[in-house]
Amino acid sequence: MDTDFANIEGIFKTNTDIVTKAIVEVSAEDWFRVPGDDSNHLMWVAGHLTWSRGNLLRVLDSEWEAPWLSVFARGEKLTTPEQYPPVDEIRSAWNEVSRKLSASLGEVPARVLAKPAPEGPPSFDGKIGGVVAFLAFHETYHVGQISFLKKWLGYGQSVG
């Protein structure tokens, strides 16, 4: 594996660790609180990251599914708390998809990363490797949101 991809793999591992630590500490009743009318809550951001990792697995010719993923798709608006899965299910799904992604990233051949990117997800270079890199960037943006929400909810910082 080349160094550039190893660094991207490291970004995903670091993001996994930060999110896992952040979401385990927040009580279920705080997952739907928002700092402003136009803000996403922790449930949506954590679910969206889970949805995104599932999509990345498909790009890497692997599969991971959950029946509720569509409520977390790009562009989906917040809905009532009853429309979301239970908090413990999101935590469990995050752990499961993260384990599967880690295994997939550790064994993806260079020839797969060099293939043309599929229609849909952005790619920095038009190849699958560029999709993986873009999704590491995308995910890190949302990890920042989770870290902010955790601190705003009074649970302290996620890093440091």
C-alpha atoms as a PDB file:
ATOM      1  CA  MET A   1       0.000   0.000   0.000  1.00  0.00           C
ATOM      2  CA  ASP A   2       1.390   3.399  -0.854  1.00  0.00           C
ATOM      3  CA  THR A   3       1.947   6.021   1.805  1.00  0.00           C
ATOM      4  CA  ASP A   4      -0.787   8.346   0.502  1.00  0.00           C
ATOM      5  CA  PHE A   5      -3.456   5.683   0.856  1.00  0.00           C
ATOM      6  CA  ALA A   6      -2.099   4.590   4.224  1.00  0.00           C
ATOM      7  CA  ASN A   7      -2.581   8.183   5.384  1.00  0.00           C
ATOM      8  CA  ILE A   8      -6.181   8.178   4.160  1.00  0.00           C
ATOM      9  CA  GLU A   9      -6.746   4.884   5.947  1.00  0.00           C
ATOM     10  CA  GLY A  10      -5.343   6.562   9.075  1.00  0.00           C
ATOM     11  CA  ILE A  11      -7.844   9.405   8.743  1.00  0.00           C
ATOM     12  CA  PHE A  12     -10.705   6.906   8.765  1.00  0.00           C
ATOM     13  CA  LYS A  13      -9.245   5.128  11.818  1.00  0.00           C
ATOM     14  CA  THR A  14      -8.854   8.408  13.702  1.00  0.00           C
ATOM     15  CA  ASN A  15     -12.406   9.424  12.777  1.00  0.00           C
ATOM     16  CA  THR A  16     -13.677   6.046  13.992  1.00  0.00           C
ATOM     17  CA  ASP A  17     -11.979   6.531  17.341  1.00  0.00           C
ATOM     18  CA  ILE A  18     -13.237  10.105  17.807  1.00  0.00           C
ATOM     19  CA  VAL A  19     -16.845   9.316  16.908  1.00  0.00           C
ATOM     20  CA  THR A  20     -16.908   6.122  18.957  1.00  0.00           C
ATOM     21  CA  LYS A  21     -15.678   7.983  22.023  1.00  0.00           C
ATOM     22  CA  ALA A  22     -18.061  10.899  21.441  1.00  0.00           C
ATOM     23  CA  ILE A  23     -21.282   8.951  20.932  1.00  0.00           C
ATOM     24  CA  VAL A  24     -20.803   6.460  23.759  1.00  0.00           C
ATOM     25  CA  GLU A  25     -20.838   9.253  26.341  1.00  0.00           C
ATOM     26  CA  VAL A  26     -24.005  11.094  25.272  1.00  0.00           C
ATOM     27  CA  SER A  27     -27.270  10.051  26.910  1.00  0.00           C
ATOM     28  CA  ALA A  28     -30.133   9.010  24.643  1.00  0.00           C
ATOM     29  CA  GLU A  29     -32.279  12.027  25.579  1.00  0.00           C
ATOM     30  CA  ASP A  30     -29.602  14.431  24.287  1.00  0.00           C
ATOM     31  CA  TRP A  31     -29.274  12.911  20.794  1.00  0.00           C
ATOM     32  CA  PHE A  32     -32.082  15.094  19.380  1.00  0.00           C
ATOM     33  CA  ARG A  33     -31.134  18.459  20.917  1.00  0.00           C
ATOM     34  CA  VAL A  34     -29.948  21.111  18.456  1.00  0.00           C
ATOM     35  CA  PRO A  35     -28.024  24.332  19.033  1.00  0.00           C
ATOM     36  CA  GLY A  36     -30.121  26.230  16.474  1.00  0.00           C
ATOM     37  CA  ASP A  37     -33.191  25.948  14.261  1.00  0.00           C
ATOM     38  CA  ASP A  38     -31.079  25.179  11.196  1.00  0.00           C
ATOM     39  CA  SER A  39     -28.795  22.647  12.899  1.00  0.00           C
ATOM     40  CA  ASN A  40     -28.617  18.879  12.667  1.00  0.00           C
ATOM     41  CA  HIS A  41     -28.774  16.816  15.832  1.00  0.00           C
ATOM     42  CA  LEU A  42     -26.318  14.139  16.892  1.00  0.00           C
ATOM     43  CA  MET A  43     -28.641  11.366  15.688  1.00  0.00           C
ATOM     44  CA  TRP A  44     -28.655  12.693  12.134  1.00  0.00           C
ATOM     45  CA  VAL A  45     -24.913  13.345  11.950  1.00  0.00           C
ATOM     46  CA  ALA A  46     -23.982   9.934  13.417  1.00  0.00           C
ATOM     47  CA  GLY A  47     -26.511   8.223  11.141  1.00  0.00           C
ATOM     48  CA  HIS A  48     -25.246  10.158   8.129  1.00  0.00           C
ATOM     49  CA  LEU A  49     -21.666   9.047   8.812  1.00  0.00           C
ATOM     50  CA  THR A  50     -22.898   5.466   9.080  1.00  0.00           C
ATOM     51  CA  TRP A  51     -24.790   5.870   5.785  1.00  0.00           C
ATOM     52  CA  SER A  52     -21.703   7.376   4.141  1.00  0.00           C
ATOM     53  CA  ARG A  53     -19.466   4.516   5.257  1.00  0.00           C
ATOM     54  CA  GLY A  54     -22.000   2.046   3.868  1.00  0.00           C
ATOM     55  CA  ASN A  55     -21.806   3.841   0.523  1.00  0.00           C
ATOM     56  CA  LEU A  56     -18.006   3.764   0.600  1.00  0.00           C
ATOM     57  CA  LEU A  57     -18.101   0.020   1.171  1.00  0.00           C
ATOM     58  CA  ARG A  58     -20.241  -0.350  -1.971  1.00  0.00           C
ATOM     59  CA  VAL A  59     -17.686   1.678  -3.952  1.00  0.00           C
ATOM     60  CA  LEU A  60     -15.045  -0.760  -2.679  1.00  0.00           C
ATOM     61  CA  ASP A  61     -17.162  -3.745  -3.847  1.00  0.00           C
ATOM     62  CA  SER A  62     -18.341  -4.686  -0.380  1.00  0.00           C
ATOM     63  CA  GLU A  63     -21.775  -4.451   1.208  1.00  0.00           C
ATOM     64  CA  TRP A  64     -23.263  -3.128   4.400  1.00  0.00           C
ATOM     65  CA  GLU A  65     -26.941  -2.328   4.881  1.00  0.00           C
ATOM     66  CA  ALA A  66     -29.433  -1.230   7.508  1.00  0.00           C
ATOM     67  CA  PRO A  67     -33.171  -0.745   6.890  1.00  0.00           C
ATOM     68  CA  TRP A  68     -33.209   2.861   8.112  1.00  0.00           C
ATOM     69  CA  LEU A  69     -30.241   4.257   6.173  1.00  0.00           C
ATOM     70  CA  SER A  70     -32.334   6.347   3.768  1.00  0.00           C
ATOM     71  CA  VAL A  71     -33.354   8.823   6.517  1.00  0.00           C
ATOM     72  CA  PHE A  72     -29.672   9.797   6.754  1.00  0.00           C
ATOM     73  CA  ALA A  73     -28.969  10.192   3.036  1.00  0.00           C
ATOM     74  CA  ARG A  74     -27.393  13.348   1.666  1.00  0.00           C
ATOM     75  CA  GLY A  75     -29.936  16.159   1.588  1.00  0.00           C
ATOM     76  CA  GLU A  76     -32.498  14.451   3.833  1.00  0.00           C
ATOM     77  CA  LYS A  77     -34.236  16.822   6.209  1.00  0.00           C
ATOM     78  CA  LEU A  78     -34.693  16.192   9.901  1.00  0.00           C
ATOM     79  CA  THR A  79     -37.825  14.328  10.813  1.00  0.00           C
ATOM     80  CA  THR A  80     -39.507  13.303  14.066  1.00  0.00           C
ATOM     81  CA  PRO A  81     -37.463  11.277  16.564  1.00  0.00           C
ATOM     82  CA  GLU A  82     -39.777   8.293  16.049  1.00  0.00           C
ATOM     83  CA  GLN A  83     -38.599   8.002  12.430  1.00  0.00           C
ATOM     84  CA  TYR A  84     -35.021   7.259  13.538  1.00  0.00           C
ATOM     85  CA  PRO A  85     -33.606   4.017  14.903  1.00  0.00           C
ATOM     86  CA  PRO A  86     -32.871   3.738  18.628  1.00  0.00           C
ATOM     87  CA  VAL A  87     -29.616   5.321  19.841  1.00  0.00           C
ATOM     88  CA  ASP A  88     -28.115   1.945  20.757  1.00  0.00           C
ATOM     89  CA  GLU A  89     -28.823   0.693  17.235  1.00  0.00           C
ATOM     90  CA  ILE A  90     -26.916   3.645  15.738  1.00  0.00           C
ATOM     91  CA  ARG A  91     -24.004   3.009  18.097  1.00  0.00           C
ATOM     92  CA  SER A  92     -23.968  -0.653  17.145  1.00  0.00           C
ATOM     93  CA  ALA A  93     -24.288   0.101  13.422  1.00  0.00           C
ATOM     94  CA  TRP A  94     -21.427   2.628  13.638  1.00  0.00           C
ATOM     95  CA  ASN A  95     -19.192   0.012  15.255  1.00  0.00           C
ATOM     96  CA  GLU A  96     -20.162  -2.653  12.723  1.00  0.00           C
ATOM     97  CA  VAL A  97     -19.730  -0.523   9.596  1.00  0.00           C
ATOM     98  CA  SER A  98     -16.467   0.845  10.977  1.00  0.00           C
ATOM     99  CA  ARG A  99     -15.021  -2.648  11.514  1.00  0.00           C
ATOM    100  CA  LYS A 100     -16.052  -3.646   8.007  1.00  0.00           C
ATOM    101  CA  LEU A 101     -14.607  -0.474   6.475  1.00  0.00           C
ATOM    102  CA  SER A 102     -11.318  -0.915   8.323  1.00  0.00           C
ATOM    103  CA  ALA A 103     -11.000  -4.456   6.988  1.00  0.00           C
ATOM    104  CA  SER A 104     -11.893  -3.352   3.440  1.00  0.00           C
ATOM    105  CA  LEU A 105      -9.442  -0.454   3.426  1.00  0.00           C
ATOM    106  CA  GLY A 106      -6.689  -2.734   4.703  1.00  0.00           C
ATOM    107  CA  GLU A 107      -7.029  -5.100   1.769  1.00  0.00           C
ATOM    108  CA  VAL A 108      -8.138  -2.949  -1.178  1.00  0.00           C
ATOM    109  CA  PRO A 109      -5.810  -3.578  -4.134  1.00  0.00           C
ATOM    110  CA  ALA A 110      -4.141  -0.637  -5.905  1.00  0.00           C
ATOM    111  CA  ARG A 111      -5.808  -1.709  -9.177  1.00  0.00           C
ATOM    112  CA  VAL A 112      -9.248  -1.107  -7.583  1.00  0.00           C
ATOM    113  CA  LEU A 113      -8.245   2.380  -6.412  1.00  0.00           C
ATOM    114  CA  ALA A 114      -7.052   3.185  -9.950  1.00  0.00           C
ATOM    115  CA  LYS A 115     -10.403   2.281 -11.560  1.00  0.00           C
ATOM    116  CA  PRO A 116     -12.601   5.121 -12.824  1.00  0.00           C
ATOM    117  CA  ALA A 117     -14.950   6.532 -10.190  1.00  0.00           C
ATOM    118  CA  PRO A 118     -18.612   5.573 -10.468  1.00  0.00           C
ATOM    119  CA  GLU A 119     -21.253   8.186 -11.204  1.00  0.00           C
ATOM    120  CA  GLY A 120     -22.448   9.973  -8.105  1.00  0.00           C
ATOM    121  CA  PRO A 121     -19.873  10.378  -5.378  1.00  0.00           C
ATOM    122  CA  PRO A 122     -17.294  13.136  -5.853  1.00  0.00           C
ATOM    123  CA  SER A 123     -13.726  12.116  -6.615  1.00  0.00           C
ATOM    124  CA  PHE A 124     -10.602  14.241  -6.337  1.00  0.00           C
ATOM    125  CA  ASP A 125      -9.004  12.533  -9.330  1.00  0.00           C
ATOM    126  CA  GLY A 126     -11.829  10.774 -11.182  1.00  0.00           C
ATOM    127  CA  LYS A 127     -10.793   7.407  -9.735  1.00  0.00           C
ATOM    128  CA  ILE A 128     -12.051   5.246  -6.887  1.00  0.00           C
ATOM    129  CA  GLY A 129      -9.006   6.280  -4.855  1.00  0.00           C
ATOM    130  CA  GLY A 130     -10.165   9.881  -5.248  1.00  0.00           C
ATOM    131  CA  VAL A 131     -13.630   8.925  -4.005  1.00  0.00           C
ATOM    132  CA  VAL A 132     -12.081   7.330  -0.918  1.00  0.00           C
ATOM    133  CA  ALA A 133      -9.997  10.469  -0.299  1.00  0.00           C
ATOM    134  CA  PHE A 134     -13.018  12.756  -0.781  1.00  0.00           C
ATOM    135  CA  LEU A 135     -15.112  10.690   1.628  1.00  0.00           C
ATOM    136  CA  ALA A 136     -12.335  10.885   4.246  1.00  0.00           C
ATOM    137  CA  PHE A 137     -12.529  14.686   3.897  1.00  0.00           C
ATOM    138  CA  HIS A 138     -16.358  14.626   3.996  1.00  0.00           C
ATOM    139  CA  GLU A 139     -16.358  12.441   7.060  1.00  0.00           C
ATOM    140  CA  THR A 140     -13.856  14.614   8.908  1.00  0.00           C
ATOM    141  CA  TYR A 141     -16.151  17.615   8.381  1.00  0.00           C
ATOM    142  CA  HIS A 142     -18.978  15.728  10.116  1.00  0.00           C
ATOM    143  CA  VAL A 143     -16.675  14.425  12.858  1.00  0.00           C
ATOM    144  CA  GLY A 144     -16.098  18.095  13.683  1.00  0.00           C
ATOM    145  CA  GLN A 145     -19.855  18.560  13.955  1.00  0.00           C
ATOM    146  CA  ILE A 146     -20.157  15.585  16.310  1.00  0.00           C
ATOM    147  CA  SER A 147     -17.318  16.956  18.428  1.00  0.00           C
ATOM    148  CA  PHE A 148     -19.003  20.368  18.571  1.00  0.00           C
ATOM    149  CA  LEU A 149     -22.377  18.855  19.498  1.00  0.00           C
ATOM    150  CA  LYS A 150     -20.831  16.718  22.234  1.00  0.00           C
ATOM    151  CA  LYS A 151     -19.171  19.758  23.774  1.00  0.00           C
ATOM    152  CA  TRP A 152     -22.268  21.949  23.308  1.00  0.00           C
ATOM    153  CA  LEU A 153     -24.340  19.282  25.083  1.00  0.00           C
ATOM    154  CA  GLY A 154     -22.011  19.533  28.065  1.00  0.00           C
ATOM    155  CA  TYR A 155     -20.042  16.309  27.680  1.00  0.00           C
ATOM    156  CA  GLY A 156     -16.666  17.923  27.119  1.00  0.00           C
ATOM    157  CA  GLN A 157     -14.384  17.770  24.152  1.00  0.00           C
ATOM    158  CA  SER A 158     -13.786  14.723  21.970  1.00  0.00           C
ATOM    159  CA  VAL A 159     -10.091  15.326  21.340  1.00  0.00           C
ATOM    160  CA  GLY A 160      -7.354  16.625  23.575  1.00  0.00           C
END
